[in-house]
Amino acid sequence: MKIVPKQFFLTKSVGVHEKELSTFEEALRDADIHTCNLIKTSSIIPADCKRISVEEGMKQIPAGMITFALRACTISNQ
């Protein structure tokens, strides 16, 4: 089985909490992707993959769906 994306969207967020896990959950909510089960992948996007809006993308992802994601994060206690 080949899994090759046809569409992708970009989002960003910030989460602030004294507990790291809660911070991550806040960031997912801020990015509007908190209903996804994320699987971290590398950063290769196929040449024919079309960029769509977050709103358009989330319409195609039902709650709980396994969703492949590229993720970058910075954690600070400041």
PDB file of N, CA and C in Angstrom:
ATOM      1  N   MET A   1       0.840  -1.177   0.000  1.00  0.00           N
ATOM      2  CA  MET A   1       0.000   0.000   0.000  1.00  0.00           C
ATOM      3  C   MET A   1       0.889   1.245   0.000  1.00  0.00           C
ATOM      4  N   LYS A   2       0.672   2.130  -0.955  1.00  0.00           N
ATOM      5  CA  LYS A   2       1.424   3.379  -1.040  1.00  0.00           C
ATOM      6  C   LYS A   2       0.569   4.510  -0.464  1.00  0.00           C
ATOM      7  N   ILE A   3       1.175   5.294   0.396  1.00  0.00           N
ATOM      8  CA  ILE A   3       0.500   6.468   0.954  1.00  0.00           C
ATOM      9  C   ILE A   3       1.263   7.694   0.467  1.00  0.00           C
ATOM     10  N   VAL A   4       0.694   8.387  -0.514  1.00  0.00           N
ATOM     11  CA  VAL A   4       1.329   9.576  -1.084  1.00  0.00           C
ATOM     12  C   VAL A   4       0.324  10.724  -0.983  1.00  0.00           C
ATOM     13  N   PRO A   5       0.684  11.810  -0.301  1.00  0.00           N
ATOM     14  CA  PRO A   5      -0.266  12.910  -0.146  1.00  0.00           C
ATOM     15  C   PRO A   5      -0.555  13.624  -1.465  1.00  0.00           C
ATOM     16  N   LYS A   6      -1.796  14.058  -1.599  1.00  0.00           N
ATOM     17  CA  LYS A   6      -2.231  14.850  -2.755  1.00  0.00           C
ATOM     18  C   LYS A   6      -2.433  16.311  -2.358  1.00  0.00           C
ATOM     19  N   GLN A   7      -2.664  16.544  -1.051  1.00  0.00           N
ATOM     20  CA  GLN A   7      -2.898  17.889  -0.535  1.00  0.00           C
ATOM     21  C   GLN A   7      -2.202  18.042   0.812  1.00  0.00           C
ATOM     22  N   PHE A   8      -1.909  19.293   1.184  1.00  0.00           N
ATOM     23  CA  PHE A   8      -1.361  19.584   2.504  1.00  0.00           C
ATOM     24  C   PHE A   8      -1.758  20.993   2.911  1.00  0.00           C
ATOM     25  N   PHE A   9      -1.696  21.255   4.219  1.00  0.00           N
ATOM     26  CA  PHE A   9      -1.908  22.612   4.706  1.00  0.00           C
ATOM     27  C   PHE A   9      -0.897  22.913   5.798  1.00  0.00           C
ATOM     28  N   LEU A  10      -0.690  24.195   6.033  1.00  0.00           N
ATOM     29  CA  LEU A  10       0.243  24.661   7.050  1.00  0.00           C
ATOM     30  C   LEU A  10      -0.532  25.367   8.154  1.00  0.00           C
ATOM     31  N   THR A  11      -0.092  25.185   9.369  1.00  0.00           N
ATOM     32  CA  THR A  11      -0.681  25.898  10.497  1.00  0.00           C
ATOM     33  C   THR A  11       0.417  26.160  11.517  1.00  0.00           C
ATOM     34  N   LYS A  12       0.154  27.053  12.437  1.00  0.00           N
ATOM     35  CA  LYS A  12       1.121  27.337  13.493  1.00  0.00           C
ATOM     36  C   LYS A  12       0.350  27.663  14.760  1.00  0.00           C
ATOM     37  N   SER A  13       1.054  27.588  15.893  1.00  0.00           N
ATOM     38  CA  SER A  13       0.353  27.811  17.146  1.00  0.00           C
ATOM     39  C   SER A  13       1.324  28.093  18.281  1.00  0.00           C
ATOM     40  N   VAL A  14       0.738  28.444  19.425  1.00  0.00           N
ATOM     41  CA  VAL A  14       1.478  28.639  20.658  1.00  0.00           C
ATOM     42  C   VAL A  14       0.662  28.016  21.779  1.00  0.00           C
ATOM     43  N   GLY A  15       1.332  27.315  22.662  1.00  0.00           N
ATOM     44  CA  GLY A  15       0.684  26.772  23.849  1.00  0.00           C
ATOM     45  C   GLY A  15       1.460  27.223  25.073  1.00  0.00           C
ATOM     46  N   VAL A  16       0.734  27.655  26.097  1.00  0.00           N
ATOM     47  CA  VAL A  16       1.386  28.116  27.322  1.00  0.00           C
ATOM     48  C   VAL A  16       0.728  27.428  28.512  1.00  0.00           C
ATOM     49  N   HIS A  17       1.530  26.722  29.285  1.00  0.00           N
ATOM     50  CA  HIS A  17       1.049  26.049  30.488  1.00  0.00           C
ATOM     51  C   HIS A  17       2.263  25.641  31.297  1.00  0.00           C
ATOM     52  N   GLU A  18       2.103  25.446  32.592  1.00  0.00           N
ATOM     53  CA  GLU A  18       3.260  25.039  33.418  1.00  0.00           C
ATOM     54  C   GLU A  18       3.651  23.585  33.203  1.00  0.00           C
ATOM     55  N   LYS A  19       2.738  22.765  32.648  1.00  0.00           N
ATOM     56  CA  LYS A  19       3.043  21.359  32.364  1.00  0.00           C
ATOM     57  C   LYS A  19       3.242  21.172  30.861  1.00  0.00           C
ATOM     58  N   GLU A  20       4.321  20.461  30.489  1.00  0.00           N
ATOM     59  CA  GLU A  20       4.687  20.320  29.075  1.00  0.00           C
ATOM     60  C   GLU A  20       3.582  19.670  28.237  1.00  0.00           C
ATOM     61  N   LEU A  21       2.966  18.593  28.729  1.00  0.00           N
ATOM     62  CA  LEU A  21       1.912  17.923  27.962  1.00  0.00           C
ATOM     63  C   LEU A  21       0.720  18.849  27.742  1.00  0.00           C
ATOM     64  N   SER A  22       0.358  19.598  28.770  1.00  0.00           N
ATOM     65  CA  SER A  22      -0.752  20.551  28.630  1.00  0.00           C
ATOM     66  C   SER A  22      -0.404  21.655  27.647  1.00  0.00           C
ATOM     67  N   THR A  23       0.856  22.063  27.631  1.00  0.00           N
ATOM     68  CA  THR A  23       1.310  23.066  26.664  1.00  0.00           C
ATOM     69  C   THR A  23       1.121  22.558  25.240  1.00  0.00           C
ATOM     70  N   PHE A  24       1.494  21.292  25.014  1.00  0.00           N
ATOM     71  CA  PHE A  24       1.337  20.692  23.692  1.00  0.00           C
ATOM     72  C   PHE A  24      -0.138  20.633  23.300  1.00  0.00           C
ATOM     73  N   GLU A  25      -1.001  20.230  24.224  1.00  0.00           N
ATOM     74  CA  GLU A  25      -2.444  20.182  23.949  1.00  0.00           C
ATOM     75  C   GLU A  25      -2.989  21.568  23.611  1.00  0.00           C
ATOM     76  N   GLU A  26      -2.543  22.580  24.343  1.00  0.00           N
ATOM     77  CA  GLU A  26      -2.959  23.959  24.059  1.00  0.00           C
ATOM     78  C   GLU A  26      -2.519  24.383  22.659  1.00  0.00           C
ATOM     79  N   ALA A  27      -1.298  24.014  22.286  1.00  0.00           N
ATOM     80  CA  ALA A  27      -0.790  24.354  20.956  1.00  0.00           C
ATOM     81  C   ALA A  27      -1.607  23.666  19.865  1.00  0.00           C
ATOM     82  N   LEU A  28      -1.986  22.402  20.074  1.00  0.00           N
ATOM     83  CA  LEU A  28      -2.825  21.699  19.093  1.00  0.00           C
ATOM     84  C   LEU A  28      -4.173  22.396  18.940  1.00  0.00           C
ATOM     85  N   ARG A  29      -4.753  22.829  20.047  1.00  0.00           N
ATOM     86  CA  ARG A  29      -6.032  23.555  19.976  1.00  0.00           C
ATOM     87  C   ARG A  29      -5.864  24.876  19.226  1.00  0.00           C
ATOM     88  N   ASP A  30      -4.780  25.594  19.537  1.00  0.00           N
ATOM     89  CA  ASP A  30      -4.514  26.876  18.885  1.00  0.00           C
ATOM     90  C   ASP A  30      -4.338  26.700  17.375  1.00  0.00           C
ATOM     91  N   ALA A  31      -3.791  25.563  16.960  1.00  0.00           N
ATOM     92  CA  ALA A  31      -3.567  25.288  15.537  1.00  0.00           C
ATOM     93  C   ALA A  31      -4.794  24.688  14.855  1.00  0.00           C
ATOM     94  N   ASP A  32      -5.862  24.445  15.620  1.00  0.00           N
ATOM     95  CA  ASP A  32      -7.101  23.827  15.110  1.00  0.00           C
ATOM     96  C   ASP A  32      -6.905  22.406  14.609  1.00  0.00           C
ATOM     97  N   ILE A  33      -5.946  21.676  15.184  1.00  0.00           N
ATOM     98  CA  ILE A  33      -5.735  20.277  14.781  1.00  0.00           C
ATOM     99  C   ILE A  33      -5.822  19.338  15.985  1.00  0.00           C
ATOM    100  N   HIS A  34      -6.470  19.788  17.057  1.00  0.00           N
ATOM    101  CA  HIS A  34      -6.541  19.008  18.295  1.00  0.00           C
ATOM    102  C   HIS A  34      -7.392  17.742  18.188  1.00  0.00           C
ATOM    103  N   THR A  35      -8.168  17.600  17.129  1.00  0.00           N
ATOM    104  CA  THR A  35      -8.994  16.397  16.973  1.00  0.00           C
ATOM    105  C   THR A  35      -8.296  15.312  16.162  1.00  0.00           C
ATOM    106  N   CYS A  36      -7.056  15.553  15.734  1.00  0.00           N
ATOM    107  CA  CYS A  36      -6.310  14.598  14.909  1.00  0.00           C
ATOM    108  C   CYS A  36      -5.414  13.703  15.756  1.00  0.00           C
ATOM    109  N   ASN A  37      -5.212  12.481  15.309  1.00  0.00           N
ATOM    110  CA  ASN A  37      -4.186  11.601  15.850  1.00  0.00           C
ATOM    111  C   ASN A  37      -2.973  11.761  14.945  1.00  0.00           C
ATOM    112  N   LEU A  38      -1.970  12.498  15.415  1.00  0.00           N
ATOM    113  CA  LEU A  38      -0.831  12.864  14.577  1.00  0.00           C
ATOM    114  C   LEU A  38       0.245  11.787  14.543  1.00  0.00           C
ATOM    115  N   ILE A  39       0.762  11.550  13.343  1.00  0.00           N
ATOM    116  CA  ILE A  39       1.915  10.682  13.133  1.00  0.00           C
ATOM    117  C   ILE A  39       3.001  11.551  12.527  1.00  0.00           C
ATOM    118  N   LYS A  40       4.133  11.639  13.238  1.00  0.00           N
ATOM    119  CA  LYS A  40       5.238  12.486  12.787  1.00  0.00           C
ATOM    120  C   LYS A  40       5.922  11.863  11.571  1.00  0.00           C
ATOM    121  N   THR A  41       6.171  12.678  10.533  1.00  0.00           N
ATOM    122  CA  THR A  41       6.833  12.222   9.316  1.00  0.00           C
ATOM    123  C   THR A  41       7.999  13.160   8.993  1.00  0.00           C
ATOM    124  N   SER A  42       8.761  12.805   7.958  1.00  0.00           N
ATOM    125  CA  SER A  42       9.841  13.689   7.519  1.00  0.00           C
ATOM    126  C   SER A  42       9.252  14.848   6.713  1.00  0.00           C
ATOM    127  N   SER A  43      10.103  15.675   6.172  1.00  0.00           N
ATOM    128  CA  SER A  43       9.630  16.913   5.543  1.00  0.00           C
ATOM    129  C   SER A  43       9.557  16.863   4.016  1.00  0.00           C
ATOM    130  N   ILE A  44       9.369  15.700   3.444  1.00  0.00           N
ATOM    131  CA  ILE A  44       9.316  15.598   1.985  1.00  0.00           C
ATOM    132  C   ILE A  44       7.867  15.686   1.519  1.00  0.00           C
ATOM    133  N   ILE A  45       7.591  16.691   0.690  1.00  0.00           N
ATOM    134  CA  ILE A  45       6.254  16.876   0.113  1.00  0.00           C
ATOM    135  C   ILE A  45       6.386  16.637  -1.383  1.00  0.00           C
ATOM    136  N   PRO A  46       5.589  15.740  -1.967  1.00  0.00           N
ATOM    137  CA  PRO A  46       5.679  15.463  -3.405  1.00  0.00           C
ATOM    138  C   PRO A  46       5.449  16.723  -4.249  1.00  0.00           C
ATOM    139  N   ALA A  47       6.085  16.779  -5.382  1.00  0.00           N
ATOM    140  CA  ALA A  47       6.012  17.962  -6.261  1.00  0.00           C
ATOM    141  C   ALA A  47       4.587  18.282  -6.697  1.00  0.00           C
ATOM    142  N   ASP A  48       3.740  17.283  -6.886  1.00  0.00           N
ATOM    143  CA  ASP A  48       2.377  17.520  -7.368  1.00  0.00           C
ATOM    144  C   ASP A  48       1.363  17.688  -6.236  1.00  0.00           C
ATOM    145  N   CYS A  49       1.825  17.816  -5.005  1.00  0.00           N
ATOM    146  CA  CYS A  49       0.963  17.969  -3.840  1.00  0.00           C
ATOM    147  C   CYS A  49       0.466  19.420  -3.770  1.00  0.00           C
ATOM    148  N   LYS A  50      -0.844  19.608  -3.628  1.00  0.00           N
ATOM    149  CA  LYS A  50      -1.452  20.936  -3.654  1.00  0.00           C
ATOM    150  C   LYS A  50      -1.624  21.483  -2.232  1.00  0.00           C
ATOM    151  N   ARG A  51      -1.212  22.741  -2.026  1.00  0.00           N
ATOM    152  CA  ARG A  51      -1.407  23.397  -0.732  1.00  0.00           C
ATOM    153  C   ARG A  51      -2.841  23.911  -0.636  1.00  0.00           C
ATOM    154  N   ILE A  52      -3.505  23.591   0.489  1.00  0.00           N
ATOM    155  CA  ILE A  52      -4.872  24.043   0.728  1.00  0.00           C
ATOM    156  C   ILE A  52      -4.918  24.772   2.070  1.00  0.00           C
ATOM    157  N   SER A  53      -6.041  25.417   2.370  1.00  0.00           N
ATOM    158  CA  SER A  53      -6.191  26.139   3.637  1.00  0.00           C
ATOM    159  C   SER A  53      -6.424  25.156   4.781  1.00  0.00           C
ATOM    160  N   VAL A  54      -6.157  25.612   6.007  1.00  0.00           N
ATOM    161  CA  VAL A  54      -6.416  24.793   7.190  1.00  0.00           C
ATOM    162  C   VAL A  54      -7.894  24.422   7.242  1.00  0.00           C
ATOM    163  N   GLU A  55      -8.760  25.387   6.969  1.00  0.00           N
ATOM    164  CA  GLU A  55     -10.206  25.141   7.017  1.00  0.00           C
ATOM    165  C   GLU A  55     -10.615  24.060   6.023  1.00  0.00           C
ATOM    166  N   GLU A  56     -10.097  24.150   4.798  1.00  0.00           N
ATOM    167  CA  GLU A  56     -10.404  23.158   3.770  1.00  0.00           C
ATOM    168  C   GLU A  56      -9.857  21.786   4.168  1.00  0.00           C
ATOM    169  N   GLY A  57      -8.644  21.770   4.710  1.00  0.00           N
ATOM    170  CA  GLY A  57      -8.031  20.511   5.126  1.00  0.00           C
ATOM    171  C   GLY A  57      -8.777  19.847   6.261  1.00  0.00           C
ATOM    172  N   MET A  58      -9.166  20.636   7.277  1.00  0.00           N
ATOM    173  CA  MET A  58      -9.849  20.066   8.435  1.00  0.00           C
ATOM    174  C   MET A  58     -11.246  19.550   8.097  1.00  0.00           C
ATOM    175  N   LYS A  59     -11.852  20.064   7.027  1.00  0.00           N
ATOM    176  CA  LYS A  59     -13.142  19.519   6.575  1.00  0.00           C
ATOM    177  C   LYS A  59     -12.979  18.076   6.103  1.00  0.00           C
ATOM    178  N   GLN A  60     -11.769  17.708   5.685  1.00  0.00           N
ATOM    179  CA  GLN A  60     -11.508  16.372   5.154  1.00  0.00           C
ATOM    180  C   GLN A  60     -10.976  15.397   6.218  1.00  0.00           C
ATOM    181  N   ILE A  61     -10.777  15.902   7.437  1.00  0.00           N
ATOM    182  CA  ILE A  61     -10.204  15.074   8.503  1.00  0.00           C
ATOM    183  C   ILE A  61     -11.230  14.914   9.625  1.00  0.00           C
ATOM    184  N   PRO A  62     -11.927  13.788   9.674  1.00  0.00           N
ATOM    185  CA  PRO A  62     -12.886  13.589  10.767  1.00  0.00           C
ATOM    186  C   PRO A  62     -12.160  13.423  12.110  1.00  0.00           C
ATOM    187  N   ALA A  63     -12.840  13.745  13.191  1.00  0.00           N
ATOM    188  CA  ALA A  63     -12.251  13.633  14.532  1.00  0.00           C
ATOM    189  C   ALA A  63     -11.707  12.230  14.760  1.00  0.00           C
ATOM    190  N   GLY A  64     -10.480  12.170  15.249  1.00  0.00           N
ATOM    191  CA  GLY A  64      -9.847  10.895  15.552  1.00  0.00           C
ATOM    192  C   GLY A  64      -9.080  10.265  14.409  1.00  0.00           C
ATOM    193  N   MET A  65      -9.138  10.853  13.225  1.00  0.00           N
ATOM    194  CA  MET A  65      -8.462  10.280  12.062  1.00  0.00           C
ATOM    195  C   MET A  65      -6.942  10.318  12.239  1.00  0.00           C
ATOM    196  N   ILE A  66      -6.273   9.248  11.831  1.00  0.00           N
ATOM    197  CA  ILE A  66      -4.819   9.234  11.813  1.00  0.00           C
ATOM    198  C   ILE A  66      -4.364  10.221  10.743  1.00  0.00           C
ATOM    199  N   THR A  67      -3.495  11.154  11.136  1.00  0.00           N
ATOM    200  CA  THR A  67      -3.097  12.257  10.266  1.00  0.00           C
ATOM    201  C   THR A  67      -1.580  12.386  10.281  1.00  0.00           C
ATOM    202  N   PHE A  68      -0.971  12.349   9.117  1.00  0.00           N
ATOM    203  CA  PHE A  68       0.473  12.495   9.017  1.00  0.00           C
ATOM    204  C   PHE A  68       0.831  13.974   9.141  1.00  0.00           C
ATOM    205  N   ALA A  69       1.863  14.266   9.914  1.00  0.00           N
ATOM    206  CA  ALA A  69       2.205  15.666  10.184  1.00  0.00           C
ATOM    207  C   ALA A  69       3.707  15.873  10.257  1.00  0.00           C
ATOM    208  N   LEU A  70       4.146  16.999   9.726  1.00  0.00           N
ATOM    209  CA  LEU A  70       5.508  17.481   9.938  1.00  0.00           C
ATOM    210  C   LEU A  70       5.397  18.418  11.128  1.00  0.00           C
ATOM    211  N   ARG A  71       6.295  18.316  12.059  1.00  0.00           N
ATOM    212  CA  ARG A  71       6.141  19.122  13.267  1.00  0.00           C
ATOM    213  C   ARG A  71       7.486  19.674  13.722  1.00  0.00           C
ATOM    214  N   ALA A  72       7.478  20.949  14.061  1.00  0.00           N
ATOM    215  CA  ALA A  72       8.647  21.577  14.658  1.00  0.00           C
ATOM    216  C   ALA A  72       8.167  22.254  15.933  1.00  0.00           C
ATOM    217  N   CYS A  73       8.964  22.185  16.988  1.00  0.00           N
ATOM    218  CA  CYS A  73       8.543  22.837  18.211  1.00  0.00           C
ATOM    219  C   CYS A  73       9.747  23.365  18.980  1.00  0.00           C
ATOM    220  N   THR A  74       9.464  24.352  19.794  1.00  0.00           N
ATOM    221  CA  THR A  74      10.440  24.916  20.702  1.00  0.00           C
ATOM    222  C   THR A  74       9.811  24.922  22.075  1.00  0.00           C
ATOM    223  N   ILE A  75      10.560  24.488  23.073  1.00  0.00           N
ATOM    224  CA  ILE A  75      10.040  24.453  24.438  1.00  0.00           C
ATOM    225  C   ILE A  75      10.941  25.308  25.317  1.00  0.00           C
ATOM    226  N   SER A  76      10.303  26.139  26.131  1.00  0.00           N
ATOM    227  CA  SER A  76      11.058  27.021  27.020  1.00  0.00           C
ATOM    228  C   SER A  76      10.340  27.130  28.350  1.00  0.00           C
ATOM    229  N   ASN A  77      11.080  27.376  29.395  1.00  0.00           N
ATOM    230  CA  ASN A  77      10.447  27.624  30.692  1.00  0.00           C
ATOM    231  C   ASN A  77      10.521  29.103  31.066  1.00  0.00           C
ATOM    232  N   GLN A  78      10.745  29.943  30.092  1.00  0.00           N
ATOM    233  CA  GLN A  78      10.832  31.397  30.322  1.00  0.00           C
ATOM    234  C   GLN A  78       9.515  32.069  30.104  1.00  0.00           C
TER     235      GLN A  78
END
